[in-house]
Amino acid sequence: MSDHQLIDESRQSSQVNLDEFLEIRIYAPFPGMTLVRLTGEVDLLTAPRMGERISEQIRRSPQVVVDMDGVNYLGSSCLSEMVWLHKQAAERGTQLHWAGAKDSVVARPLAITGLSRVLAIHSAPADAVVAGLRLGHLLDHGAGAEPRRAVTA
């Protein structure tokens, strides 16, 4: 066996399947809105992947809701990614909502760092979706405007 084969086999055996630690699912519950559901651990290993996937959605959708209800560990690298994503969304004009912050695993780091006052944080995913829909309505129609009604022929 050559040294090259040993290095290749060593790399393959040392690669970690990040899906074992963090599952990321993407849904489109309404036109113009994307829901990103996170389940598992968001740490130094998985936070960059989380950031990339959410960043993709920020580029594609005017409203993104990130459901963190299934997160059972939130490391400081996740907080850094959240700040970066917040800035990216603001630059693009995308509304970014974070949901599932009722559990201390998510809520406590956000409160301690002050991010809960900066980011759009909601206790439940449904609250974030409703806030996004309301905001989208206000952006499309202005405050106090009536929703568009379907015209039937």
Protein backbone atom coordinates (compact mmCIF):
# COMPACT_ATOMS: atom_id res chain seq x y z
CA MET A 1 0.00 0.00 0.00
CA SER A 2 1.41 3.40 -0.96
CA ASP A 3 1.65 6.44 1.29
CA HIS A 4 -0.89 8.19 -0.94
CA GLN A 5 -3.47 5.44 -0.35
CA LEU A 6 -2.88 5.60 3.40
CA ILE A 7 -3.46 9.36 3.45
CA ASP A 8 -6.65 9.04 1.37
CA GLU A 9 -8.00 6.26 3.60
CA SER A 10 -7.09 8.25 6.71
CA ARG A 11 -8.97 11.31 5.39
CA GLN A 12 -12.03 9.25 4.59
CA SER A 13 -12.14 7.63 8.01
CA SER A 14 -11.63 10.95 9.82
CA GLN A 15 -14.41 12.80 7.96
CA VAL A 16 -17.39 13.44 10.18
CA ASN A 17 -20.96 13.17 8.97
CA LEU A 18 -22.36 16.52 10.14
CA ASP A 19 -25.92 15.28 9.60
CA GLU A 20 -25.45 13.16 12.72
CA PHE A 21 -25.14 16.33 14.81
CA LEU A 22 -27.35 18.87 13.02
CA GLU A 23 -30.26 18.22 10.73
CA ILE A 24 -31.32 21.12 8.51
CA ARG A 25 -34.66 20.95 6.70
CA ILE A 26 -36.00 23.63 4.41
CA TYR A 27 -39.67 24.26 3.69
CA ALA A 28 -41.65 26.86 1.74
CA PRO A 29 -44.90 27.28 3.71
CA PHE A 30 -46.02 30.34 1.73
CA PRO A 31 -44.84 32.10 -1.44
CA GLY A 32 -41.97 34.41 -0.54
CA MET A 33 -41.26 32.72 2.79
CA THR A 34 -38.78 29.99 3.65
CA LEU A 35 -38.76 28.01 6.89
CA VAL A 36 -35.43 26.49 7.96
CA ARG A 37 -35.84 23.88 10.71
CA LEU A 38 -32.77 23.02 12.79
CA THR A 39 -32.57 19.87 14.93
CA GLY A 40 -29.53 18.93 17.00
CA GLU A 41 -26.35 20.70 18.03
CA VAL A 42 -25.12 24.01 16.62
CA ASP A 43 -21.48 24.29 17.60
CA LEU A 44 -18.04 24.99 16.13
CA LEU A 45 -18.38 21.99 13.84
CA THR A 46 -21.92 22.55 12.56
CA ALA A 47 -22.44 26.34 12.75
CA PRO A 48 -20.66 27.11 9.44
CA ARG A 49 -22.91 24.65 7.60
CA MET A 50 -25.97 26.17 9.27
CA GLY A 51 -24.78 29.62 8.19
CA GLU A 52 -24.26 28.52 4.58
CA ARG A 53 -27.70 26.91 4.31
CA ILE A 54 -29.51 29.90 5.83
CA SER A 55 -27.44 32.29 3.70
CA GLU A 56 -28.64 30.45 0.59
CA GLN A 57 -32.22 31.02 1.68
CA ILE A 58 -31.58 34.71 2.44
CA ARG A 59 -30.43 35.10 -1.17
CA ARG A 60 -33.56 33.31 -2.48
CA SER A 61 -36.43 34.47 -0.31
CA PRO A 62 -37.64 37.85 0.96
CA GLN A 63 -38.57 36.29 4.33
CA VAL A 64 -36.74 33.54 6.20
CA VAL A 65 -37.86 31.94 9.47
CA VAL A 66 -35.33 29.79 11.31
CA ASP A 67 -36.98 27.30 13.67
CA MET A 68 -34.54 26.49 16.48
CA ASP A 69 -37.09 24.57 18.56
CA GLY A 70 -35.17 21.31 17.98
CA VAL A 71 -31.75 22.72 18.96
CA ASN A 72 -30.35 20.96 22.02
CA TYR A 73 -26.98 22.76 22.13
CA LEU A 74 -26.12 26.28 21.02
CA GLY A 75 -22.44 27.26 21.05
CA SER A 76 -20.83 30.67 20.68
CA SER A 77 -19.99 29.96 17.04
CA CYS A 78 -23.74 29.75 16.37
CA LEU A 79 -24.18 33.21 17.88
CA SER A 80 -21.47 34.55 15.56
CA GLU A 81 -23.22 32.99 12.57
CA MET A 82 -26.53 34.50 13.67
CA VAL A 83 -24.99 38.00 13.76
CA TRP A 84 -23.40 37.48 10.32
CA LEU A 85 -26.71 36.24 8.90
CA HIS A 86 -28.54 39.19 10.45
CA LYS A 87 -26.17 41.60 8.70
CA GLN A 88 -26.45 39.75 5.41
CA ALA A 89 -30.26 39.76 5.59
CA ALA A 90 -30.32 43.48 6.38
CA GLU A 91 -28.05 44.24 3.42
CA ARG A 92 -30.31 42.27 1.07
CA GLY A 93 -33.57 43.55 2.51
CA THR A 94 -34.58 40.06 3.65
CA GLN A 95 -36.66 39.71 6.80
CA LEU A 96 -34.93 37.14 9.03
CA HIS A 97 -36.84 35.73 12.01
CA TRP A 98 -35.47 33.32 14.62
CA ALA A 99 -37.99 31.09 16.40
CA GLY A 100 -38.02 28.50 19.14
CA ALA A 101 -36.22 30.64 21.70
CA LYS A 102 -38.46 29.55 24.57
CA ASP A 103 -36.06 26.83 25.74
CA SER A 104 -33.13 27.93 27.91
CA VAL A 105 -30.71 26.16 25.54
CA VAL A 106 -31.46 28.85 22.94
CA ALA A 107 -32.98 31.69 24.97
CA ARG A 108 -30.27 32.02 27.63
CA PRO A 109 -27.26 32.60 25.31
CA LEU A 110 -29.32 35.09 23.29
CA ALA A 111 -30.32 36.98 26.44
CA ILE A 112 -26.84 36.96 28.00
CA THR A 113 -25.20 38.31 24.83
CA GLY A 114 -27.94 40.89 24.21
CA LEU A 115 -28.77 39.36 20.82
CA SER A 116 -32.38 38.89 21.91
CA ARG A 117 -32.68 42.71 21.71
CA VAL A 118 -31.05 42.94 18.26
CA LEU A 119 -32.39 39.96 16.31
CA ALA A 120 -36.04 39.25 15.49
CA ILE A 121 -36.59 36.52 18.11
CA HIS A 122 -39.89 34.68 18.61
CA SER A 123 -40.73 32.03 21.18
CA ALA A 124 -42.50 29.76 18.69
CA PRO A 125 -42.14 29.13 14.95
CA ALA A 126 -45.82 29.98 14.38
CA ASP A 127 -45.25 33.42 15.96
CA ALA A 128 -42.36 34.07 13.59
CA VAL A 129 -44.38 33.00 10.56
CA VAL A 130 -47.27 35.25 11.57
CA ALA A 131 -44.88 38.16 12.19
CA GLY A 132 -43.32 37.59 8.79
CA LEU A 133 -46.71 37.46 7.08
CA ARG A 134 -47.83 40.65 8.84
CA LEU A 135 -44.60 42.43 7.98
CA GLY A 136 -44.85 41.26 4.38
CA HIS A 137 -48.40 42.60 4.23
CA LEU A 138 -47.29 45.97 5.64
CA LEU A 139 -44.36 46.17 3.23
CA ASP A 140 -46.59 45.33 0.26
CA HIS A 141 -49.56 47.50 1.21
CA GLY A 142 -48.47 50.08 3.77
CA ALA A 143 -49.71 50.36 7.34
CA GLY A 144 -53.47 50.08 7.63
CA ALA A 145 -53.97 48.88 4.06
CA GLU A 146 -56.53 46.24 3.25
CA PRO A 147 -55.19 42.89 2.06
CA ARG A 148 -55.47 42.17 -1.64
CA ARG A 149 -58.52 40.21 -2.54
CA ALA A 150 -58.71 37.63 -5.27
CA VAL A 151 -60.68 38.77 -8.28
CA THR A 152 -63.09 36.21 -9.66
CA ALA A 153 -64.40 36.36 -13.20
